[in-house]
Amino acid sequence: MEVFLLWHVRHAANPDGPVEHVGQDGELVWSEEAGDDLKILGVYSTERRARERIEHARSMPGFSDEPNCFLLDRYVVDVDQWAEGFATVRPDHSP
């Protein structure tokens, strides 16, 4: 079974110039380290329902400021997405 996760990215202001919303490959870009804020809008049973949610959200405060910054990901249920451990990098760069 597949589900569709819907996210919105609120990009942080860039004091050095314009905010990059889409990369050269046409894909949405974001950086939580740079202050971009990701919000999950929901998990949907069909892509159609997720796209309907996007259309509705585009008219809402906040979302309407960045109407093309939605990310829709398809996931297969009961499949591991993070199969390995991780290391935390502290501000002084020591693990």
N, C-alpha and C. Protein backbone atom coordinates (compact mmCIF):
# COMPACT_ATOMS: atom_id res chain seq x y z
N MET A 1 0.84 -1.17 0.00
CA MET A 1 0.00 0.00 0.00
C MET A 1 0.89 1.25 0.00
N GLU A 2 0.46 2.25 -0.74
CA GLU A 2 1.18 3.52 -0.80
C GLU A 2 0.38 4.61 -0.10
N VAL A 3 1.11 5.57 0.45
CA VAL A 3 0.51 6.79 0.99
C VAL A 3 1.30 7.97 0.44
N PHE A 4 0.71 9.14 0.58
CA PHE A 4 1.31 10.35 0.04
C PHE A 4 1.47 11.37 1.16
N LEU A 5 2.73 11.72 1.48
CA LEU A 5 3.03 12.70 2.51
C LEU A 5 3.14 14.06 1.83
N LEU A 6 2.43 15.04 2.40
CA LEU A 6 2.42 16.38 1.83
C LEU A 6 3.07 17.36 2.80
N TRP A 7 4.08 18.06 2.32
CA TRP A 7 4.84 19.03 3.11
C TRP A 7 4.75 20.41 2.46
N HIS A 8 4.95 21.44 3.27
CA HIS A 8 5.11 22.80 2.75
C HIS A 8 6.40 23.36 3.32
N VAL A 9 7.14 24.08 2.49
CA VAL A 9 8.39 24.71 2.91
C VAL A 9 8.18 26.22 2.96
N ARG A 10 8.40 26.79 4.13
CA ARG A 10 8.42 28.25 4.28
C ARG A 10 9.90 28.63 4.31
N HIS A 11 10.36 29.27 3.24
CA HIS A 11 11.77 29.60 3.11
C HIS A 11 12.12 30.81 3.99
N ALA A 12 13.28 30.73 4.63
CA ALA A 12 13.79 31.83 5.45
C ALA A 12 14.25 32.95 4.53
N ALA A 13 14.16 34.16 5.01
CA ALA A 13 14.65 35.30 4.24
C ALA A 13 16.16 35.18 4.07
N ASN A 14 16.65 35.63 2.95
CA ASN A 14 18.08 35.60 2.67
C ASN A 14 18.59 37.04 2.59
N PRO A 15 19.34 37.49 3.60
CA PRO A 15 19.81 38.89 3.59
C PRO A 15 20.81 39.18 2.47
N ASP A 16 21.39 38.12 1.87
CA ASP A 16 22.39 38.31 0.82
C ASP A 16 21.81 38.30 -0.59
N GLY A 17 20.52 38.12 -0.72
CA GLY A 17 19.93 38.09 -2.06
C GLY A 17 18.62 37.32 -2.07
N PRO A 18 18.17 36.95 -3.26
CA PRO A 18 16.89 36.26 -3.36
C PRO A 18 16.94 34.83 -2.79
N VAL A 19 15.80 34.35 -2.38
CA VAL A 19 15.67 33.00 -1.84
C VAL A 19 15.56 32.02 -3.00
N GLU A 20 16.31 30.93 -2.93
CA GLU A 20 16.23 29.90 -3.96
C GLU A 20 15.12 28.93 -3.57
N HIS A 21 14.08 28.86 -4.39
CA HIS A 21 12.96 27.96 -4.13
C HIS A 21 13.09 26.65 -4.90
N VAL A 22 13.62 26.74 -6.11
CA VAL A 22 13.72 25.58 -6.99
C VAL A 22 15.14 25.51 -7.54
N GLY A 23 15.71 24.31 -7.51
CA GLY A 23 17.06 24.11 -8.02
C GLY A 23 17.09 24.03 -9.54
N GLN A 24 18.29 23.90 -10.08
CA GLN A 24 18.46 23.81 -11.53
C GLN A 24 17.77 22.59 -12.11
N ASP A 25 17.58 21.56 -11.28
CA ASP A 25 16.92 20.34 -11.74
C ASP A 25 15.40 20.45 -11.70
N GLY A 26 14.88 21.62 -11.25
CA GLY A 26 13.44 21.82 -11.17
C GLY A 26 12.81 21.33 -9.89
N GLU A 27 13.63 20.78 -8.99
CA GLU A 27 13.12 20.24 -7.73
C GLU A 27 13.12 21.32 -6.65
N LEU A 28 12.17 21.23 -5.74
CA LEU A 28 12.08 22.15 -4.61
C LEU A 28 13.33 22.00 -3.75
N VAL A 29 13.90 23.12 -3.31
CA VAL A 29 15.08 23.10 -2.44
C VAL A 29 14.72 23.72 -1.09
N TRP A 30 15.42 23.27 -0.05
CA TRP A 30 15.24 23.83 1.28
C TRP A 30 16.43 23.47 2.14
N SER A 31 16.60 24.24 3.21
CA SER A 31 17.67 23.98 4.16
C SER A 31 17.17 24.36 5.54
N GLU A 32 16.96 23.36 6.38
CA GLU A 32 16.55 23.64 7.75
C GLU A 32 17.66 24.39 8.48
N GLU A 33 18.92 24.11 8.14
CA GLU A 33 20.05 24.81 8.76
C GLU A 33 20.01 26.30 8.45
N ALA A 34 19.48 26.67 7.29
CA ALA A 34 19.39 28.08 6.90
C ALA A 34 18.13 28.73 7.47
N GLY A 35 17.31 27.95 8.16
CA GLY A 35 16.12 28.50 8.78
C GLY A 35 14.82 28.21 8.05
N ASP A 36 14.87 27.44 6.97
CA ASP A 36 13.64 27.07 6.29
C ASP A 36 12.79 26.20 7.21
N ASP A 37 11.49 26.39 7.15
CA ASP A 37 10.55 25.70 8.04
C ASP A 37 9.70 24.74 7.24
N LEU A 38 9.78 23.44 7.56
CA LEU A 38 8.98 22.43 6.88
C LEU A 38 7.81 22.05 7.76
N LYS A 39 6.64 22.01 7.15
CA LYS A 39 5.42 21.62 7.87
C LYS A 39 4.80 20.45 7.12
N ILE A 40 4.38 19.43 7.84
CA ILE A 40 3.65 18.35 7.19
C ILE A 40 2.17 18.70 7.24
N LEU A 41 1.54 18.72 6.09
CA LEU A 41 0.12 19.05 6.01
C LEU A 41 -0.74 17.82 6.21
N GLY A 42 -0.21 16.64 5.87
CA GLY A 42 -0.99 15.44 6.06
C GLY A 42 -0.44 14.26 5.31
N VAL A 43 -1.05 13.13 5.57
CA VAL A 43 -0.74 11.87 4.88
C VAL A 43 -2.03 11.44 4.20
N TYR A 44 -1.97 11.21 2.90
CA TYR A 44 -3.18 10.97 2.11
C TYR A 44 -3.14 9.60 1.43
N SER A 45 -4.30 9.05 1.25
CA SER A 45 -4.42 7.71 0.67
C SER A 45 -4.27 7.72 -0.84
N THR A 46 -4.48 8.88 -1.47
CA THR A 46 -4.31 8.99 -2.92
C THR A 46 -3.60 10.29 -3.26
N GLU A 47 -2.95 10.29 -4.40
CA GLU A 47 -2.30 11.50 -4.88
C GLU A 47 -3.34 12.58 -5.16
N ARG A 48 -4.48 12.20 -5.66
CA ARG A 48 -5.55 13.15 -5.96
C ARG A 48 -5.96 13.92 -4.71
N ARG A 49 -6.15 13.23 -3.61
CA ARG A 49 -6.52 13.90 -2.36
C ARG A 49 -5.43 14.85 -1.88
N ALA A 50 -4.20 14.45 -2.03
CA ALA A 50 -3.09 15.32 -1.64
C ALA A 50 -3.07 16.58 -2.51
N ARG A 51 -3.29 16.43 -3.79
CA ARG A 51 -3.29 17.59 -4.70
C ARG A 51 -4.48 18.50 -4.42
N GLU A 52 -5.60 17.94 -4.03
CA GLU A 52 -6.75 18.77 -3.63
C GLU A 52 -6.39 19.59 -2.39
N ARG A 53 -5.67 18.99 -1.47
CA ARG A 53 -5.23 19.69 -0.26
C ARG A 53 -4.29 20.84 -0.61
N ILE A 54 -3.41 20.62 -1.58
CA ILE A 54 -2.51 21.69 -2.03
C ILE A 54 -3.33 22.87 -2.54
N GLU A 55 -4.32 22.61 -3.38
CA GLU A 55 -5.14 23.68 -3.94
C GLU A 55 -5.85 24.46 -2.83
N HIS A 56 -6.35 23.76 -1.84
CA HIS A 56 -7.03 24.43 -0.73
C HIS A 56 -6.02 25.25 0.09
N ALA A 57 -4.86 24.68 0.38
CA ALA A 57 -3.86 25.36 1.21
C ALA A 57 -3.33 26.62 0.54
N ARG A 58 -3.25 26.62 -0.78
CA ARG A 58 -2.71 27.79 -1.50
C ARG A 58 -3.48 29.07 -1.21
N SER A 59 -4.72 28.95 -0.75
CA SER A 59 -5.52 30.14 -0.45
C SER A 59 -5.43 30.55 1.02
N MET A 60 -4.69 29.81 1.82
CA MET A 60 -4.61 30.06 3.26
C MET A 60 -3.41 30.95 3.59
N PRO A 61 -3.53 31.75 4.68
CA PRO A 61 -2.40 32.59 5.10
C PRO A 61 -1.13 31.76 5.32
N GLY A 62 -0.01 32.34 4.95
CA GLY A 62 1.27 31.65 5.09
C GLY A 62 1.55 30.78 3.86
N PHE A 63 0.68 29.83 3.60
CA PHE A 63 0.86 28.97 2.43
C PHE A 63 0.75 29.77 1.14
N SER A 64 -0.14 30.77 1.14
CA SER A 64 -0.33 31.58 -0.06
C SER A 64 0.89 32.45 -0.37
N ASP A 65 1.75 32.69 0.63
CA ASP A 65 2.98 33.45 0.39
C ASP A 65 3.97 32.67 -0.47
N GLU A 66 3.91 31.35 -0.40
CA GLU A 66 4.80 30.49 -1.18
C GLU A 66 3.95 29.36 -1.77
N PRO A 67 3.11 29.70 -2.75
CA PRO A 67 2.13 28.73 -3.27
C PRO A 67 2.71 27.58 -4.07
N ASN A 68 3.98 27.65 -4.42
CA ASN A 68 4.60 26.58 -5.20
C ASN A 68 5.63 25.79 -4.41
N CYS A 69 5.60 25.94 -3.09
CA CYS A 69 6.61 25.29 -2.25
C CYS A 69 6.02 24.11 -1.49
N PHE A 70 5.27 23.30 -2.20
CA PHE A 70 4.72 22.07 -1.64
C PHE A 70 5.55 20.90 -2.13
N LEU A 71 5.74 19.93 -1.27
CA LEU A 71 6.50 18.73 -1.60
C LEU A 71 5.60 17.54 -1.34
N LEU A 72 5.41 16.74 -2.35
CA LEU A 72 4.56 15.56 -2.25
C LEU A 72 5.43 14.32 -2.45
N ASP A 73 5.50 13.48 -1.43
CA ASP A 73 6.31 12.27 -1.48
C ASP A 73 5.43 11.04 -1.37
N ARG A 74 5.73 10.06 -2.20
CA ARG A 74 5.03 8.79 -2.19
C ARG A 74 5.84 7.81 -1.35
N TYR A 75 5.18 7.14 -0.41
CA TYR A 75 5.85 6.15 0.43
C TYR A 75 5.08 4.85 0.41
N VAL A 76 5.82 3.77 0.43
CA VAL A 76 5.22 2.44 0.57
C VAL A 76 5.18 2.14 2.06
N VAL A 77 4.02 1.75 2.56
CA VAL A 77 3.84 1.46 3.98
C VAL A 77 4.64 0.21 4.36
N ASP A 78 5.17 0.20 5.58
CA ASP A 78 5.91 -0.92 6.16
C ASP A 78 7.25 -1.19 5.47
N VAL A 79 7.84 -0.15 4.87
CA VAL A 79 9.17 -0.25 4.29
C VAL A 79 10.06 0.75 5.03
N ASP A 80 11.18 0.28 5.57
CA ASP A 80 12.10 1.15 6.30
C ASP A 80 12.60 2.27 5.38
N GLN A 81 12.60 3.49 5.89
CA GLN A 81 13.12 4.62 5.14
C GLN A 81 14.50 5.03 5.63
N TRP A 82 14.82 4.71 6.86
CA TRP A 82 16.13 5.03 7.43
C TRP A 82 16.69 3.73 7.97
N ALA A 83 17.51 3.09 7.16
CA ALA A 83 17.96 1.74 7.47
C ALA A 83 19.27 1.67 8.25
N GLU A 84 19.91 2.81 8.48
CA GLU A 84 21.19 2.83 9.19
C GLU A 84 21.13 3.80 10.36
N GLY A 85 22.10 3.74 11.22
CA GLY A 85 22.19 4.68 12.34
C GLY A 85 22.61 6.05 11.87
N PHE A 86 22.90 6.93 12.83
CA PHE A 86 23.34 8.28 12.48
C PHE A 86 24.27 8.81 13.55
N ALA A 87 24.97 9.86 13.22
CA ALA A 87 25.86 10.54 14.17
C ALA A 87 25.42 11.99 14.27
N THR A 88 25.47 12.53 15.47
CA THR A 88 25.13 13.93 15.68
C THR A 88 26.40 14.76 15.59
N VAL A 89 26.36 15.79 14.77
CA VAL A 89 27.50 16.70 14.64
C VAL A 89 27.18 17.94 15.46
N ARG A 90 27.99 18.18 16.44
CA ARG A 90 27.80 19.32 17.32
C ARG A 90 28.35 20.59 16.68
N PRO A 91 27.95 21.77 17.16
CA PRO A 91 28.44 23.02 16.58
C PRO A 91 29.95 23.13 16.48
N ASP A 92 30.68 22.48 17.43
CA ASP A 92 32.15 22.51 17.34
C ASP A 92 32.66 21.42 16.41
N HIS A 93 31.74 20.74 15.68
CA HIS A 93 32.04 19.72 14.68
C HIS A 93 32.62 18.43 15.24
N SER A 94 32.49 18.20 16.54
CA SER A 94 32.96 16.92 17.08
C SER A 94 31.76 15.99 17.25
N PRO A 95 31.93 14.69 16.92
CA PRO A 95 30.80 13.75 17.02
C PRO A 95 30.42 13.43 18.45
